[in-house]
C-alpha atoms as a PDB file:
ATOM      1  CA  UNK A   1     169.620  96.999  87.771  1.00  0.00           C
ATOM      2  CA  UNK A   2     170.606 100.876  87.687  1.00  0.00           C
ATOM      3  CA  UNK A   3     168.731 103.664  85.928  1.00  0.00           C
ATOM      4  CA  UNK A   4     170.937 103.143  82.936  1.00  0.00           C
ATOM      5  CA  UNK A   5     170.070  99.477  82.255  1.00  0.00           C
ATOM      6  CA  UNK A   6     166.671 100.020  82.295  1.00  0.00           C
ATOM      7  CA  UNK A   7     166.763 103.015  79.714  1.00  0.00           C
ATOM      8  CA  UNK A   8     169.044 100.634  77.614  1.00  0.00           C
ATOM      9  CA  UNK A   9     166.188  97.719  78.071  1.00  0.00           C
ATOM     10  CA  UNK A  10     163.460 100.210  77.098  1.00  0.00           C
ATOM     11  CA  UNK A  11     165.590 101.631  73.805  1.00  0.00           C
ATOM     12  CA  UNK A  12     166.589  98.012  72.886  1.00  0.00           C
ATOM     13  CA  UNK A  13     162.926  96.571  73.053  1.00  0.00           C
ATOM     14  CA  UNK A  14     161.768  99.492  71.257  1.00  0.00           C
ATOM     15  CA  UNK A  15     164.011  99.010  68.694  1.00  0.00           C
ATOM     16  CA  UNK A  16     163.131  95.624  68.390  1.00  0.00           C
ATOM     17  CA  UNK A  17     159.949  96.477  68.055  1.00  0.00           C
ATOM     18  CA  UNK A  18     160.439  98.830  65.096  1.00  0.00           C
ATOM     19  CA  UNK A  19     162.410  96.223  63.345  1.00  0.00           C
ATOM     20  CA  UNK A  20     159.899  93.604  63.948  1.00  0.00           C
ATOM     21  CA  UNK A  21     157.123  95.797  62.371  1.00  0.00           C
ATOM     22  CA  UNK A  22     159.594  96.724  59.350  1.00  0.00           C
ATOM     23  CA  UNK A  23     160.081  93.236  58.644  1.00  0.00           C
ATOM     24  CA  UNK A  24     156.707  92.428  58.977  1.00  0.00           C
ATOM     25  CA  UNK A  25     155.601  95.049  56.524  1.00  0.00           C
ATOM     26  CA  UNK A  26     157.984  93.888  53.541  1.00  0.00           C
ATOM     27  CA  UNK A  27     156.585  90.526  54.319  1.00  0.00           C
ATOM     28  CA  UNK A  28     152.937  91.816  54.000  1.00  0.00           C
ATOM     29  CA  UNK A  29     154.049  93.859  50.897  1.00  0.00           C
ATOM     30  CA  UNK A  30     155.473  90.316  49.671  1.00  0.00           C
ATOM     31  CA  UNK A  31     152.457  88.522  50.353  1.00  0.00           C
ATOM     32  CA  UNK A  32     149.950  91.466  48.685  1.00  0.00           C
ATOM     33  CA  UNK A  33     152.089  91.437  45.318  1.00  0.00           C
ATOM     34  CA  UNK A  34     150.835  88.544  43.510  1.00  0.00           C
ATOM     35  CA  UNK A  35     151.599  90.220  40.239  1.00  0.00           C
ATOM     36  CA  UNK A  36     154.801  87.779  40.091  1.00  0.00           C
ATOM     37  CA  UNK A  37     153.014  84.475  40.748  1.00  0.00           C
ATOM     38  CA  UNK A  38     149.981  85.449  38.981  1.00  0.00           C
ATOM     39  CA  UNK A  39     150.927  87.233  35.663  1.00  0.00           C
ATOM     40  CA  UNK A  40     154.641  86.296  35.302  1.00  0.00           C
ATOM     41  CA  UNK A  41     153.706  85.100  31.460  1.00  0.00           C
ATOM     42  CA  UNK A  42     152.121  88.345  30.504  1.00  0.00           C
ATOM     43  CA  UNK A  43     155.322  90.493  31.765  1.00  0.00           C
ATOM     44  CA  UNK A  44     157.876  91.637  29.694  1.00  0.00           C
ATOM     45  CA  UNK A  45     161.154  89.746  30.889  1.00  0.00           C
ATOM     46  CA  UNK A  46     162.980  92.943  32.184  1.00  0.00           C
ATOM     47  CA  UNK A  47     159.780  93.926  34.440  1.00  0.00           C
ATOM     48  CA  UNK A  48     159.974  90.051  35.923  1.00  0.00           C
ATOM     49  CA  UNK A  49     163.952  90.293  36.570  1.00  0.00           C
ATOM     50  CA  UNK A  50     163.033  93.610  38.310  1.00  0.00           C
ATOM     51  CA  UNK A  51     160.567  92.418  40.586  1.00  0.00           C
ATOM     52  CA  UNK A  52     163.023  89.248  41.344  1.00  0.00           C
ATOM     53  CA  UNK A  53     165.655  91.673  42.221  1.00  0.00           C
ATOM     54  CA  UNK A  54     163.048  93.212  44.703  1.00  0.00           C
ATOM     55  CA  UNK A  55     162.075  90.077  46.131  1.00  0.00           C
ATOM     56  CA  UNK A  56     165.830  88.745  46.693  1.00  0.00           C
ATOM     57  CA  UNK A  57     166.470  92.548  48.423  1.00  0.00           C
ATOM     58  CA  UNK A  58     163.323  92.110  50.590  1.00  0.00           C
ATOM     59  CA  UNK A  59     164.851  88.641  51.374  1.00  0.00           C
ATOM     60  CA  UNK A  60     167.839  89.808  52.700  1.00  0.00           C
ATOM     61  CA  UNK A  61     166.472  92.766  54.643  1.00  0.00           C
ATOM     62  CA  UNK A  62     164.608  90.165  56.456  1.00  0.00           C
ATOM     63  CA  UNK A  63     167.210  87.934  57.021  1.00  0.00           C
ATOM     64  CA  UNK A  64     168.926  90.878  58.405  1.00  0.00           C
ATOM     65  CA  UNK A  65     166.213  92.162  60.960  1.00  0.00           C
ATOM     66  CA  UNK A  66     165.997  88.616  62.141  1.00  0.00           C
ATOM     67  CA  UNK A  67     169.998  88.372  62.957  1.00  0.00           C
ATOM     68  CA  UNK A  68     169.520  92.329  64.687  1.00  0.00           C
ATOM     69  CA  UNK A  69     166.777  90.875  66.432  1.00  0.00           C
ATOM     70  CA  UNK A  70     168.827  88.015  67.975  1.00  0.00           C
ATOM     71  CA  UNK A  71     171.724  90.370  68.829  1.00  0.00           C
ATOM     72  CA  UNK A  72     169.062  92.547  70.533  1.00  0.00           C
ATOM     73  CA  UNK A  73     167.971  89.412  72.631  1.00  0.00           C
ATOM     74  CA  UNK A  74     171.305  88.719  73.358  1.00  0.00           C
ATOM     75  CA  UNK A  75     171.707  92.296  74.653  1.00  0.00           C
ATOM     76  CA  UNK A  76     168.801  92.114  76.828  1.00  0.00           C
ATOM     77  CA  UNK A  77     170.032  88.433  78.306  1.00  0.00           C
ATOM     78  CA  UNK A  78     173.488  90.587  78.612  1.00  0.00           C
ATOM     79  CA  UNK A  79     171.096  93.108  80.794  1.00  0.00           C
ATOM     80  CA  UNK A  80     169.995  90.398  82.927  1.00  0.00           C
ATOM     81  CA  UNK A  81     172.967  88.589  83.994  1.00  0.00           C
ATOM     82  CA  UNK A  82     174.868  91.543  84.179  1.00  0.00           C
ATOM     83  CA  UNK A  83     177.568  91.598  81.648  1.00  0.00           C
ATOM     84  CA  UNK A  84     175.926  93.969  79.459  1.00  0.00           C
ATOM     85  CA  UNK A  85     178.297  96.675  78.284  1.00  0.00           C
ATOM     86  CA  UNK A  86     181.850  94.225  78.688  1.00  0.00           C
ATOM     87  CA  UNK A  87     183.721  93.246  75.722  1.00  0.00           C
ATOM     88  CA  UNK A  88     182.699  89.615  75.236  1.00  0.00           C
ATOM     89  CA  UNK A  89     186.785  89.426  73.787  1.00  0.00           C
ATOM     90  CA  UNK A  90     188.870  91.324  76.082  1.00  0.00           C
ATOM     91  CA  UNK A  91     186.590  91.985  79.245  1.00  0.00           C
ATOM     92  CA  UNK A  92     187.045  95.912  78.939  1.00  0.00           C
ATOM     93  CA  UNK A  93     183.931  97.968  79.501  1.00  0.00           C
ATOM     94  CA  UNK A  94     182.484  98.948  76.041  1.00  0.00           C
ATOM     95  CA  UNK A  95     182.517 102.801  75.930  1.00  0.00           C
ATOM     96  CA  UNK A  96     179.342 104.337  76.556  1.00  0.00           C
ATOM     97  CA  UNK A  97     179.522 106.007  73.061  1.00  0.00           C
ATOM     98  CA  UNK A  98     179.578 102.996  71.316  1.00  0.00           C
ATOM     99  CA  UNK A  99     176.659 101.362  73.077  1.00  0.00           C
ATOM    100  CA  UNK A 100     174.847 104.692  72.112  1.00  0.00           C
ATOM    101  CA  UNK A 101     175.249 103.831  68.497  1.00  0.00           C
ATOM    102  CA  UNK A 102     175.040 100.335  68.574  1.00  0.00           C
ATOM    103  CA  UNK A 103     172.935  99.394  71.980  1.00  0.00           C
ATOM    104  CA  UNK A 104     173.688  95.515  71.389  1.00  0.00           C
ATOM    105  CA  UNK A 105     177.302  95.945  70.669  1.00  0.00           C
ATOM    106  CA  UNK A 106     179.517  92.809  72.101  1.00  0.00           C
ATOM    107  CA  UNK A 107     182.494  94.314  71.328  1.00  0.00           C
ATOM    108  CA  UNK A 108     184.626  97.210  72.423  1.00  0.00           C
ATOM    109  CA  UNK A 109     186.034  99.738  69.705  1.00  0.00           C
ATOM    110  CA  UNK A 110     189.388  98.122  69.797  1.00  0.00           C
ATOM    111  CA  UNK A 111     188.074  94.732  69.502  1.00  0.00           C
ATOM    112  CA  UNK A 112     185.706  95.510  66.563  1.00  0.00           C
ATOM    113  CA  UNK A 113     188.393  97.129  64.729  1.00  0.00           C
ATOM    114  CA  UNK A 114     190.893  94.117  65.262  1.00  0.00           C
ATOM    115  CA  UNK A 115     187.789  91.899  64.085  1.00  0.00           C
ATOM    116  CA  UNK A 116     186.900  94.092  60.968  1.00  0.00           C
ATOM    117  CA  UNK A 117     190.799  94.020  59.755  1.00  0.00           C
ATOM    118  CA  UNK A 118     191.035  90.282  60.050  1.00  0.00           C
END
């Protein structure tokens, strides 16, 4: 494995740790906030709705974090098997600039653009 792959692995692992930490903080905040379940009868309807909305946003963020962690894990696997940096659709190299921006990218810029248009 080249130094570049070692650097990418370290970057991906650090990113994974930050995302898991942020997701843990969201879960911890939801667990610590018992106002919704314990005093829902005492709340104004708008306050209750606002808390429900906040929880839905938090759940969405948690799901997004889980998806990104899965993508990071897949990228780490591609580093291990030697396919990291190769577009899964066309087989061409993914440009370095794209991998710097999205280190877990699986598609080159052209294929990603085509996917988004479809």
